[in-house]
Amino acid sequence: MFEGNRSKKRQEPHHLSRGGRHKAARDPRAHWLLLMLVLPVMFGLLMFQGWTTHEVDAAKTRRPCTSPVPRALADGGPVVQINGGRVRTVGMPAGTVALTYDGGPDPVQTPRLLDLLRRYDARATFFVSGAKAAQYPDLVRRIRAEGHEIGSNTYTGADMGTASSSRSRMELSLTESALAGSVGVQPRLLRLPLTTDVDTLCGDEWQAARRVAAEGYALVAADRSGKKPSQGLVRQFSQTDTAYQETEKLLKDPRAKKFTTVTGGLGVPRSTSRSPAWSAGRARR
């Protein structure tokens, strides 16, 4: 099962502090307004830090692997949890498809995708950009309200394989703040930018995976090309016209019996917890 990596301090409800009940009684809208003022400043600092270390100017293209994918992933599923030296992977059950979307929310493409999913009574997982989530909180709320799952794609879509440790932490924490402010959710799933199937979790990306796992995240890759919906499948899309067309085609595929969120496919109730559990999987050392 998923095992929580968060300390008790990080798991305390946000409203618990020295102010006690007085803090809890504060208008949450004031918190959101304050967050909207703070996030652009933090974003500017993040961009400045990335620019001074040449991280912002780096091309956002996947680099060739410098070392092979770990053995633990070679024949495992696309959902990965790393806990110390232990790696656990799992995939979707037969006939179950987890549709996943990277980036956004986008003011044009996200509503189109949501309308399409609603038409087919399908659920999906949206790995959102923290910066876009802060820019379009109403779309984040709609994603959540319509029964979909929200994961993290980092704040700016940075290459986490080459990012400094300080930038990596800021990418995660700013996204957490944006999602906590808009929908009260702490993401427990993360898709590393510039990765696709588990074969891309290699070299620097694998080291990045280990770092974000230490922050309590499970990583979600995609199934390798060629796997059929009847076998169970995690599909990865960007938010584009092409993704819309491919999603519609897949929704009509009779081999797919169920379209659900990543955690829904694993039999885990939707929750704001950062310690989801799966009932089946493969553990390797």
C-alpha atoms as a PDB file:
ATOM      1  CA  MET A   1       0.000   0.000   0.000  1.00  0.00           C
ATOM      2  CA  PHE A   2       1.015   3.609  -0.218  1.00  0.00           C
ATOM      3  CA  GLU A   3       2.849   4.525   2.937  1.00  0.00           C
ATOM      4  CA  GLY A   4       2.950   8.141   4.058  1.00  0.00           C
ATOM      5  CA  ASN A   5       6.312   9.898   4.005  1.00  0.00           C
ATOM      6  CA  ARG A   6       5.091  13.141   5.536  1.00  0.00           C
ATOM      7  CA  SER A   7       6.018  14.096   9.065  1.00  0.00           C
ATOM      8  CA  LYS A   8       3.241  14.731  11.560  1.00  0.00           C
ATOM      9  CA  LYS A   9       4.048  18.411  11.457  1.00  0.00           C
ATOM     10  CA  ARG A  10       3.243  18.624   7.730  1.00  0.00           C
ATOM     11  CA  GLN A  11       0.039  16.616   8.189  1.00  0.00           C
ATOM     12  CA  GLU A  12      -1.565  18.963  10.686  1.00  0.00           C
ATOM     13  CA  PRO A  13      -4.635  20.786   9.367  1.00  0.00           C
ATOM     14  CA  HIS A  14      -3.771  24.209   8.034  1.00  0.00           C
ATOM     15  CA  HIS A  15      -6.075  26.015  10.457  1.00  0.00           C
ATOM     16  CA  LEU A  16      -4.359  24.639  13.570  1.00  0.00           C
ATOM     17  CA  SER A  17      -1.884  27.109  14.961  1.00  0.00           C
ATOM     18  CA  ARG A  18      -1.230  29.082  18.091  1.00  0.00           C
ATOM     19  CA  GLY A  19      -4.276  31.156  17.317  1.00  0.00           C
ATOM     20  CA  GLY A  20      -6.469  28.104  17.837  1.00  0.00           C
ATOM     21  CA  ARG A  21     -10.164  28.763  17.298  1.00  0.00           C
ATOM     22  CA  HIS A  22      -9.611  32.375  16.366  1.00  0.00           C
ATOM     23  CA  LYS A  23      -7.533  31.297  13.386  1.00  0.00           C
ATOM     24  CA  ALA A  24     -10.160  28.790  12.290  1.00  0.00           C
ATOM     25  CA  ALA A  25     -12.875  31.437  12.346  1.00  0.00           C
ATOM     26  CA  ARG A  26     -11.082  33.714   9.888  1.00  0.00           C
ATOM     27  CA  ASP A  27     -12.803  34.214   6.539  1.00  0.00           C
ATOM     28  CA  PRO A  28     -11.187  31.742   4.093  1.00  0.00           C
ATOM     29  CA  ARG A  29     -11.662  34.249   1.291  1.00  0.00           C
ATOM     30  CA  ALA A  30      -9.178  36.515   3.021  1.00  0.00           C
ATOM     31  CA  HIS A  31      -6.668  33.665   3.009  1.00  0.00           C
ATOM     32  CA  TRP A  32      -7.207  33.169  -0.711  1.00  0.00           C
ATOM     33  CA  LEU A  33      -6.782  36.879  -1.451  1.00  0.00           C
ATOM     34  CA  LEU A  34      -3.575  36.944   0.560  1.00  0.00           C
ATOM     35  CA  LEU A  35      -2.355  33.886  -1.296  1.00  0.00           C
ATOM     36  CA  MET A  36      -3.075  35.562  -4.627  1.00  0.00           C
ATOM     37  CA  LEU A  37      -0.885  38.468  -3.549  1.00  0.00           C
ATOM     38  CA  VAL A  38       1.947  36.279  -2.297  1.00  0.00           C
ATOM     39  CA  LEU A  39       2.133  33.712  -5.119  1.00  0.00           C
ATOM     40  CA  PRO A  40       3.156  36.184  -7.870  1.00  0.00           C
ATOM     41  CA  VAL A  41       5.972  37.441  -5.649  1.00  0.00           C
ATOM     42  CA  MET A  42       7.148  33.900  -4.963  1.00  0.00           C
ATOM     43  CA  PHE A  43       6.830  33.097  -8.662  1.00  0.00           C
ATOM     44  CA  GLY A  44       9.056  36.068  -9.467  1.00  0.00           C
ATOM     45  CA  LEU A  45      11.638  34.855  -6.980  1.00  0.00           C
ATOM     46  CA  LEU A  46      11.432  31.370  -8.468  1.00  0.00           C
ATOM     47  CA  MET A  47      11.985  32.726 -11.972  1.00  0.00           C
ATOM     48  CA  PHE A  48      14.883  34.876 -10.817  1.00  0.00           C
ATOM     49  CA  GLN A  49      16.512  31.945  -9.064  1.00  0.00           C
ATOM     50  CA  GLY A  50      16.026  29.801 -12.167  1.00  0.00           C
ATOM     51  CA  TRP A  51      17.407  32.501 -14.452  1.00  0.00           C
ATOM     52  CA  THR A  52      20.530  33.023 -12.373  1.00  0.00           C
ATOM     53  CA  THR A  53      21.235  29.281 -12.468  1.00  0.00           C
ATOM     54  CA  HIS A  54      20.330  29.001 -16.185  1.00  0.00           C
ATOM     55  CA  GLU A  55      17.360  26.768 -15.407  1.00  0.00           C
ATOM     56  CA  VAL A  56      14.729  29.021 -16.978  1.00  0.00           C
ATOM     57  CA  ASP A  57      16.512  29.352 -20.322  1.00  0.00           C
ATOM     58  CA  ALA A  58      17.061  25.605 -20.639  1.00  0.00           C
ATOM     59  CA  ALA A  59      15.052  23.994 -23.423  1.00  0.00           C
ATOM     60  CA  LYS A  60      12.093  21.994 -22.140  1.00  0.00           C
ATOM     61  CA  THR A  61      12.866  18.853 -24.078  1.00  0.00           C
ATOM     62  CA  ARG A  62      13.529  15.410 -22.713  1.00  0.00           C
ATOM     63  CA  ARG A  63      17.188  14.472 -22.661  1.00  0.00           C
ATOM     64  CA  PRO A  64      18.531  11.014 -23.555  1.00  0.00           C
ATOM     65  CA  CYS A  65      18.892   8.695 -20.575  1.00  0.00           C
ATOM     66  CA  THR A  66      22.341   8.744 -19.009  1.00  0.00           C
ATOM     67  CA  SER A  67      21.667   5.490 -17.166  1.00  0.00           C
ATOM     68  CA  PRO A  68      19.082   2.724 -17.599  1.00  0.00           C
ATOM     69  CA  VAL A  69      15.753   2.722 -15.848  1.00  0.00           C
ATOM     70  CA  PRO A  70      15.964   0.955 -12.457  1.00  0.00           C
ATOM     71  CA  ARG A  71      15.175  -2.757 -12.467  1.00  0.00           C
ATOM     72  CA  ALA A  72      12.255  -2.104 -10.147  1.00  0.00           C
ATOM     73  CA  LEU A  73      10.494  -0.233 -12.956  1.00  0.00           C
ATOM     74  CA  ALA A  74      11.493  -2.388 -15.899  1.00  0.00           C
ATOM     75  CA  ASP A  75       8.401  -4.594 -15.831  1.00  0.00           C
ATOM     76  CA  GLY A  76       6.271  -2.701 -13.321  1.00  0.00           C
ATOM     77  CA  GLY A  77       3.176  -0.544 -13.596  1.00  0.00           C
ATOM     78  CA  PRO A  78       3.087   3.198 -14.295  1.00  0.00           C
ATOM     79  CA  VAL A  79       2.142   4.306 -10.770  1.00  0.00           C
ATOM     80  CA  VAL A  80       5.249   4.382  -8.608  1.00  0.00           C
ATOM     81  CA  GLN A  81       5.891   4.915  -4.921  1.00  0.00           C
ATOM     82  CA  ILE A  82       9.390   5.109  -3.506  1.00  0.00           C
ATOM     83  CA  ASN A  83       9.867   4.749   0.226  1.00  0.00           C
ATOM     84  CA  GLY A  84      13.518   4.713   1.173  1.00  0.00           C
ATOM     85  CA  GLY A  85      15.084   1.863  -0.766  1.00  0.00           C
ATOM     86  CA  ARG A  86      11.740   0.255  -1.491  1.00  0.00           C
ATOM     87  CA  VAL A  87      10.000   0.768  -4.841  1.00  0.00           C
ATOM     88  CA  ARG A  88       6.401  -0.260  -5.391  1.00  0.00           C
ATOM     89  CA  THR A  89       4.584  -0.114  -8.726  1.00  0.00           C
ATOM     90  CA  VAL A  90       1.054  -0.861  -9.847  1.00  0.00           C
ATOM     91  CA  GLY A  91      -1.136  -0.514 -12.933  1.00  0.00           C
ATOM     92  CA  MET A  92      -4.822  -0.293 -13.746  1.00  0.00           C
ATOM     93  CA  PRO A  93      -7.052  -3.383 -13.575  1.00  0.00           C
ATOM     94  CA  ALA A  94      -8.131  -5.016 -16.827  1.00  0.00           C
ATOM     95  CA  GLY A  95     -10.637  -2.921 -18.749  1.00  0.00           C
ATOM     96  CA  THR A  96      -9.978   0.190 -16.646  1.00  0.00           C
ATOM     97  CA  VAL A  97      -8.539   3.320 -18.253  1.00  0.00           C
ATOM     98  CA  ALA A  98      -7.127   6.255 -16.301  1.00  0.00           C
ATOM     99  CA  LEU A  99      -7.137   9.331 -18.533  1.00  0.00           C
ATOM    100  CA  THR A 100      -4.525  11.850 -17.392  1.00  0.00           C
ATOM    101  CA  TYR A 101      -3.872  15.398 -18.606  1.00  0.00           C
ATOM    102  CA  ASP A 102      -0.719  17.447 -18.105  1.00  0.00           C
ATOM    103  CA  GLY A 103      -0.500  21.205 -17.639  1.00  0.00           C
ATOM    104  CA  GLY A 104      -3.177  23.860 -17.476  1.00  0.00           C
ATOM    105  CA  PRO A 105      -5.845  24.483 -16.558  1.00  0.00           C
ATOM    106  CA  ASP A 106      -6.268  26.110 -19.939  1.00  0.00           C
ATOM    107  CA  PRO A 107      -9.192  28.531 -20.420  1.00  0.00           C
ATOM    108  CA  VAL A 108     -10.002  27.031 -23.837  1.00  0.00           C
ATOM    109  CA  GLN A 109      -9.010  23.369 -23.742  1.00  0.00           C
ATOM    110  CA  THR A 110      -9.887  22.443 -20.155  1.00  0.00           C
ATOM    111  CA  PRO A 111     -13.611  23.328 -20.434  1.00  0.00           C
ATOM    112  CA  ARG A 112     -13.807  21.398 -23.725  1.00  0.00           C
ATOM    113  CA  LEU A 113     -12.253  18.332 -22.135  1.00  0.00           C
ATOM    114  CA  LEU A 114     -14.495  18.598 -19.083  1.00  0.00           C
ATOM    115  CA  ASP A 115     -17.590  18.833 -21.279  1.00  0.00           C
ATOM    116  CA  LEU A 116     -16.447  15.769 -23.230  1.00  0.00           C
ATOM    117  CA  LEU A 117     -15.766  13.744 -20.100  1.00  0.00           C
ATOM    118  CA  ARG A 118     -19.129  14.718 -18.633  1.00  0.00           C
ATOM    119  CA  ARG A 119     -20.882  13.613 -21.835  1.00  0.00           C
ATOM    120  CA  TYR A 120     -19.457  10.110 -21.361  1.00  0.00           C
ATOM    121  CA  ASP A 121     -19.752  10.128 -17.561  1.00  0.00           C
ATOM    122  CA  ALA A 122     -15.991   9.578 -17.360  1.00  0.00           C
ATOM    123  CA  ARG A 123     -13.545  10.660 -14.672  1.00  0.00           C
ATOM    124  CA  ALA A 124      -9.927  11.669 -15.191  1.00  0.00           C
ATOM    125  CA  THR A 125      -6.844  12.978 -13.406  1.00  0.00           C
ATOM    126  CA  PHE A 126      -5.541  16.468 -14.177  1.00  0.00           C
ATOM    127  CA  PHE A 127      -1.887  17.127 -13.382  1.00  0.00           C
ATOM    128  CA  VAL A 128      -2.066  20.891 -13.220  1.00  0.00           C
ATOM    129  CA  SER A 129       0.572  23.585 -13.299  1.00  0.00           C
ATOM    130  CA  GLY A 130       0.594  25.516 -10.041  1.00  0.00           C
ATOM    131  CA  ALA A 131       1.036  28.816 -11.881  1.00  0.00           C
ATOM    132  CA  LYS A 132      -1.984  28.120 -14.092  1.00  0.00           C
ATOM    133  CA  ALA A 133      -4.000  26.904 -11.111  1.00  0.00           C
ATOM    134  CA  ALA A 134      -3.353  30.228  -9.380  1.00  0.00           C
ATOM    135  CA  GLN A 135      -4.333  32.067 -12.566  1.00  0.00           C
ATOM    136  CA  TYR A 136      -7.531  30.091 -13.189  1.00  0.00           C
ATOM    137  CA  PRO A 137      -8.838  28.934  -9.778  1.00  0.00           C
ATOM    138  CA  ASP A 138     -12.413  28.651 -11.069  1.00  0.00           C
ATOM    139  CA  LEU A 139     -11.318  25.979 -13.533  1.00  0.00           C
ATOM    140  CA  VAL A 140      -9.536  24.085 -10.768  1.00  0.00           C
ATOM    141  CA  ARG A 141     -12.726  24.200  -8.735  1.00  0.00           C
ATOM    142  CA  ARG A 142     -14.733  22.927 -11.693  1.00  0.00           C
ATOM    143  CA  ILE A 143     -12.318  20.029 -12.207  1.00  0.00           C
ATOM    144  CA  ARG A 144     -12.747  19.042  -8.579  1.00  0.00           C
ATOM    145  CA  ALA A 145     -16.514  19.623  -8.478  1.00  0.00           C
ATOM    146  CA  GLU A 146     -17.103  17.337 -11.459  1.00  0.00           C
ATOM    147  CA  GLY A 147     -15.440  14.401  -9.727  1.00  0.00           C
ATOM    148  CA  HIS A 148     -12.002  14.492 -11.294  1.00  0.00           C
ATOM    149  CA  GLU A 149      -8.703  14.114  -9.496  1.00  0.00           C
ATOM    150  CA  ILE A 150      -6.056  16.820  -9.216  1.00  0.00           C
ATOM    151  CA  GLY A 151      -2.340  16.081  -9.196  1.00  0.00           C
ATOM    152  CA  SER A 152       0.768  18.222  -9.504  1.00  0.00           C
ATOM    153  CA  ASN A 153       2.796  18.927 -12.639  1.00  0.00           C
ATOM    154  CA  THR A 154       4.981  21.367 -10.630  1.00  0.00           C
ATOM    155  CA  TYR A 155       4.536  25.126 -10.611  1.00  0.00           C
ATOM    156  CA  THR A 156       6.219  26.028 -13.907  1.00  0.00           C
ATOM    157  CA  GLY A 157       6.707  22.650 -15.602  1.00  0.00           C
ATOM    158  CA  ALA A 158      10.391  22.764 -14.751  1.00  0.00           C
ATOM    159  CA  ASP A 159      12.822  20.009 -15.659  1.00  0.00           C
ATOM    160  CA  MET A 160      13.091  18.466 -12.215  1.00  0.00           C
ATOM    161  CA  GLY A 161      15.983  16.281 -13.334  1.00  0.00           C
ATOM    162  CA  THR A 162      18.267  19.306 -13.645  1.00  0.00           C
ATOM    163  CA  ALA A 163      16.599  21.654 -11.145  1.00  0.00           C
ATOM    164  CA  SER A 164      18.458  22.580  -7.976  1.00  0.00           C
ATOM    165  CA  SER A 165      17.109  21.223  -4.698  1.00  0.00           C
ATOM    166  CA  SER A 166      15.839  24.667  -3.675  1.00  0.00           C
ATOM    167  CA  ARG A 167      14.021  25.159  -6.962  1.00  0.00           C
ATOM    168  CA  SER A 168      12.514  21.669  -6.748  1.00  0.00           C
ATOM    169  CA  ARG A 169      11.134  22.388  -3.292  1.00  0.00           C
ATOM    170  CA  MET A 170       9.670  25.700  -4.435  1.00  0.00           C
ATOM    171  CA  GLU A 171       8.076  24.074  -7.495  1.00  0.00           C
ATOM    172  CA  LEU A 172       6.269  21.641  -5.204  1.00  0.00           C
ATOM    173  CA  SER A 173       5.389  23.972  -2.341  1.00  0.00           C
ATOM    174  CA  LEU A 174       4.034  26.776  -4.543  1.00  0.00           C
ATOM    175  CA  THR A 175       1.795  24.296  -6.341  1.00  0.00           C
ATOM    176  CA  GLU A 176       0.577  22.961  -3.004  1.00  0.00           C
ATOM    177  CA  SER A 177      -0.240  26.502  -1.887  1.00  0.00           C
ATOM    178  CA  ALA A 178      -2.122  27.293  -5.092  1.00  0.00           C
ATOM    179  CA  LEU A 179      -4.246  24.139  -4.839  1.00  0.00           C
ATOM    180  CA  ALA A 180      -4.848  24.501  -1.113  1.00  0.00           C
ATOM    181  CA  GLY A 181      -6.080  28.034  -1.709  1.00  0.00           C
ATOM    182  CA  SER A 182      -8.377  27.232  -4.628  1.00  0.00           C
ATOM    183  CA  VAL A 183      -9.890  23.858  -3.705  1.00  0.00           C
ATOM    184  CA  GLY A 184      -8.446  22.886  -0.329  1.00  0.00           C
ATOM    185  CA  VAL A 185      -6.541  19.937  -1.820  1.00  0.00           C
ATOM    186  CA  GLN A 186      -2.997  18.813  -1.101  1.00  0.00           C
ATOM    187  CA  PRO A 187      -1.886  16.863  -4.181  1.00  0.00           C
ATOM    188  CA  ARG A 188      -0.628  13.376  -3.471  1.00  0.00           C
ATOM    189  CA  LEU A 189       0.135  12.417  -7.072  1.00  0.00           C
ATOM    190  CA  LEU A 190       2.799  13.997  -9.262  1.00  0.00           C
ATOM    191  CA  ARG A 191       3.829  13.687 -12.862  1.00  0.00           C
ATOM    192  CA  LEU A 192       7.372  14.782 -13.518  1.00  0.00           C
ATOM    193  CA  PRO A 193       7.458  17.227 -16.433  1.00  0.00           C
ATOM    194  CA  LEU A 194       9.108  15.905 -19.602  1.00  0.00           C
ATOM    195  CA  THR A 195       8.402  12.281 -18.678  1.00  0.00           C
ATOM    196  CA  THR A 196       6.030   9.845 -20.321  1.00  0.00           C
ATOM    197  CA  ASP A 197       6.176   6.107 -19.598  1.00  0.00           C
ATOM    198  CA  VAL A 198       8.315   4.540 -16.876  1.00  0.00           C
ATOM    199  CA  ASP A 199      11.200   4.134 -19.314  1.00  0.00           C
ATOM    200  CA  THR A 200      11.708   7.906 -19.084  1.00  0.00           C
ATOM    201  CA  LEU A 201      12.190   7.722 -15.299  1.00  0.00           C
ATOM    202  CA  CYS A 202      15.896   7.177 -15.769  1.00  0.00           C
ATOM    203  CA  GLY A 203      19.136   8.987 -15.037  1.00  0.00           C
ATOM    204  CA  ASP A 204      18.520  12.450 -13.580  1.00  0.00           C
ATOM    205  CA  GLU A 205      14.748  11.926 -13.692  1.00  0.00           C
ATOM    206  CA  TRP A 206      15.060   8.926 -11.386  1.00  0.00           C
ATOM    207  CA  GLN A 207      17.006  10.994  -8.879  1.00  0.00           C
ATOM    208  CA  ALA A 208      14.305  13.668  -9.132  1.00  0.00           C
ATOM    209  CA  ALA A 209      11.687  10.967  -8.565  1.00  0.00           C
ATOM    210  CA  ARG A 210      13.417   9.901  -5.369  1.00  0.00           C
ATOM    211  CA  ARG A 211      13.540  13.504  -4.135  1.00  0.00           C
ATOM    212  CA  VAL A 212       9.859  14.215  -4.713  1.00  0.00           C
ATOM    213  CA  ALA A 213       8.908  10.835  -3.243  1.00  0.00           C
ATOM    214  CA  ALA A 214      10.649  11.913  -0.042  1.00  0.00           C
ATOM    215  CA  GLU A 215       8.141  14.795   0.037  1.00  0.00           C
ATOM    216  CA  GLY A 216       5.261  12.314   0.145  1.00  0.00           C
ATOM    217  CA  TYR A 217       4.337  12.055  -3.527  1.00  0.00           C
ATOM    218  CA  ALA A 218       3.528   9.008  -5.614  1.00  0.00           C
ATOM    219  CA  LEU A 219       4.621   9.364  -9.230  1.00  0.00           C
ATOM    220  CA  VAL A 220       2.360   8.642 -12.163  1.00  0.00           C
ATOM    221  CA  ALA A 221       3.844   7.794 -15.537  1.00  0.00           C
ATOM    222  CA  ALA A 222       1.957   6.439 -18.547  1.00  0.00           C
ATOM    223  CA  ASP A 223       1.740   2.895 -19.823  1.00  0.00           C
ATOM    224  CA  ARG A 224       4.035   2.039 -22.693  1.00  0.00           C
ATOM    225  CA  SER A 225       2.642   2.421 -26.191  1.00  0.00           C
ATOM    226  CA  GLY A 226       1.005  -0.694 -27.508  1.00  0.00           C
ATOM    227  CA  LYS A 227      -0.848  -1.592 -24.346  1.00  0.00           C
ATOM    228  CA  LYS A 228      -4.565  -2.098 -24.966  1.00  0.00           C
ATOM    229  CA  PRO A 229      -7.492  -0.700 -22.944  1.00  0.00           C
ATOM    230  CA  SER A 230      -8.652  -4.248 -22.273  1.00  0.00           C
ATOM    231  CA  GLN A 231      -5.409  -4.802 -20.330  1.00  0.00           C
ATOM    232  CA  GLY A 232      -5.875  -1.733 -18.132  1.00  0.00           C
ATOM    233  CA  LEU A 233      -4.231   1.505 -19.096  1.00  0.00           C
ATOM    234  CA  VAL A 234      -2.917   4.884 -17.934  1.00  0.00           C
ATOM    235  CA  ARG A 235      -3.005   7.308 -20.879  1.00  0.00           C
ATOM    236  CA  GLN A 236      -1.203  10.644 -20.905  1.00  0.00           C
ATOM    237  CA  PHE A 237      -2.325  13.709 -22.847  1.00  0.00           C
ATOM    238  CA  SER A 238      -1.480  17.369 -23.111  1.00  0.00           C
ATOM    239  CA  GLN A 239      -4.393  19.800 -23.240  1.00  0.00           C
ATOM    240  CA  THR A 240      -4.617  20.278 -27.013  1.00  0.00           C
ATOM    241  CA  ASP A 241      -7.046  19.765 -29.891  1.00  0.00           C
ATOM    242  CA  THR A 242      -5.276  16.496 -30.668  1.00  0.00           C
ATOM    243  CA  ALA A 243      -5.756  15.325 -27.086  1.00  0.00           C
ATOM    244  CA  TYR A 244      -9.465  16.093 -27.350  1.00  0.00           C
ATOM    245  CA  GLN A 245      -9.777  13.985 -30.504  1.00  0.00           C
ATOM    246  CA  GLU A 246      -7.773  11.094 -29.055  1.00  0.00           C
ATOM    247  CA  THR A 247      -9.767  11.222 -25.827  1.00  0.00           C
ATOM    248  CA  GLU A 248     -13.048  11.043 -27.722  1.00  0.00           C
ATOM    249  CA  LYS A 249     -11.771   8.097 -29.752  1.00  0.00           C
ATOM    250  CA  LEU A 250     -10.731   6.255 -26.604  1.00  0.00           C
ATOM    251  CA  LEU A 251     -14.038   6.997 -24.875  1.00  0.00           C
ATOM    252  CA  LYS A 252     -15.775   5.206 -27.758  1.00  0.00           C
ATOM    253  CA  ASP A 253     -13.477   2.168 -27.599  1.00  0.00           C
ATOM    254  CA  PRO A 254     -15.562  -0.870 -26.549  1.00  0.00           C
ATOM    255  CA  ARG A 255     -12.492  -2.503 -25.006  1.00  0.00           C
ATOM    256  CA  ALA A 256     -12.477   0.143 -22.267  1.00  0.00           C
ATOM    257  CA  LYS A 257     -15.062  -0.750 -19.639  1.00  0.00           C
ATOM    258  CA  LYS A 258     -14.379   1.997 -17.107  1.00  0.00           C
ATOM    259  CA  PHE A 259     -12.830   5.473 -17.169  1.00  0.00           C
ATOM    260  CA  THR A 260     -11.701   6.646 -13.778  1.00  0.00           C
ATOM    261  CA  THR A 261      -9.115   8.603 -11.835  1.00  0.00           C
ATOM    262  CA  VAL A 262      -5.739   7.128 -10.994  1.00  0.00           C
ATOM    263  CA  THR A 263      -6.620   6.517  -7.350  1.00  0.00           C
ATOM    264  CA  GLY A 264     -10.113   5.391  -8.342  1.00  0.00           C
ATOM    265  CA  GLY A 265      -8.575   2.724 -10.553  1.00  0.00           C
ATOM    266  CA  LEU A 266      -6.482   1.565  -7.615  1.00  0.00           C
ATOM    267  CA  GLY A 267      -9.549   1.315  -5.377  1.00  0.00           C
ATOM    268  CA  VAL A 268      -8.584   4.269  -3.196  1.00  0.00           C
ATOM    269  CA  PRO A 269     -11.310   6.701  -2.067  1.00  0.00           C
ATOM    270  CA  ARG A 270     -10.853  10.289  -3.226  1.00  0.00           C
ATOM    271  CA  SER A 271      -9.309  12.260  -0.394  1.00  0.00           C
ATOM    272  CA  THR A 272      -7.206  15.287   0.429  1.00  0.00           C
ATOM    273  CA  SER A 273      -4.803  13.028   2.321  1.00  0.00           C
ATOM    274  CA  ARG A 274      -1.209  12.785   1.129  1.00  0.00           C
ATOM    275  CA  SER A 275      -0.960   9.089   2.073  1.00  0.00           C
ATOM    276  CA  PRO A 276      -3.092   7.088  -0.381  1.00  0.00           C
ATOM    277  CA  ALA A 277      -3.064   3.312  -0.192  1.00  0.00           C
ATOM    278  CA  TRP A 278      -3.217   0.734  -2.918  1.00  0.00           C
ATOM    279  CA  SER A 279      -4.333  -2.785  -2.268  1.00  0.00           C
ATOM    280  CA  ALA A 280      -2.141  -4.545  -4.801  1.00  0.00           C
ATOM    281  CA  GLY A 281       1.210  -3.887  -6.323  1.00  0.00           C
ATOM    282  CA  ARG A 282       4.735  -5.041  -6.838  1.00  0.00           C
ATOM    283  CA  ALA A 283       7.478  -4.238  -4.388  1.00  0.00           C
ATOM    284  CA  ARG A 284      11.136  -4.365  -5.353  1.00  0.00           C
ATOM    285  CA  ARG A 285      14.402  -3.413  -3.753  1.00  0.00           C
END
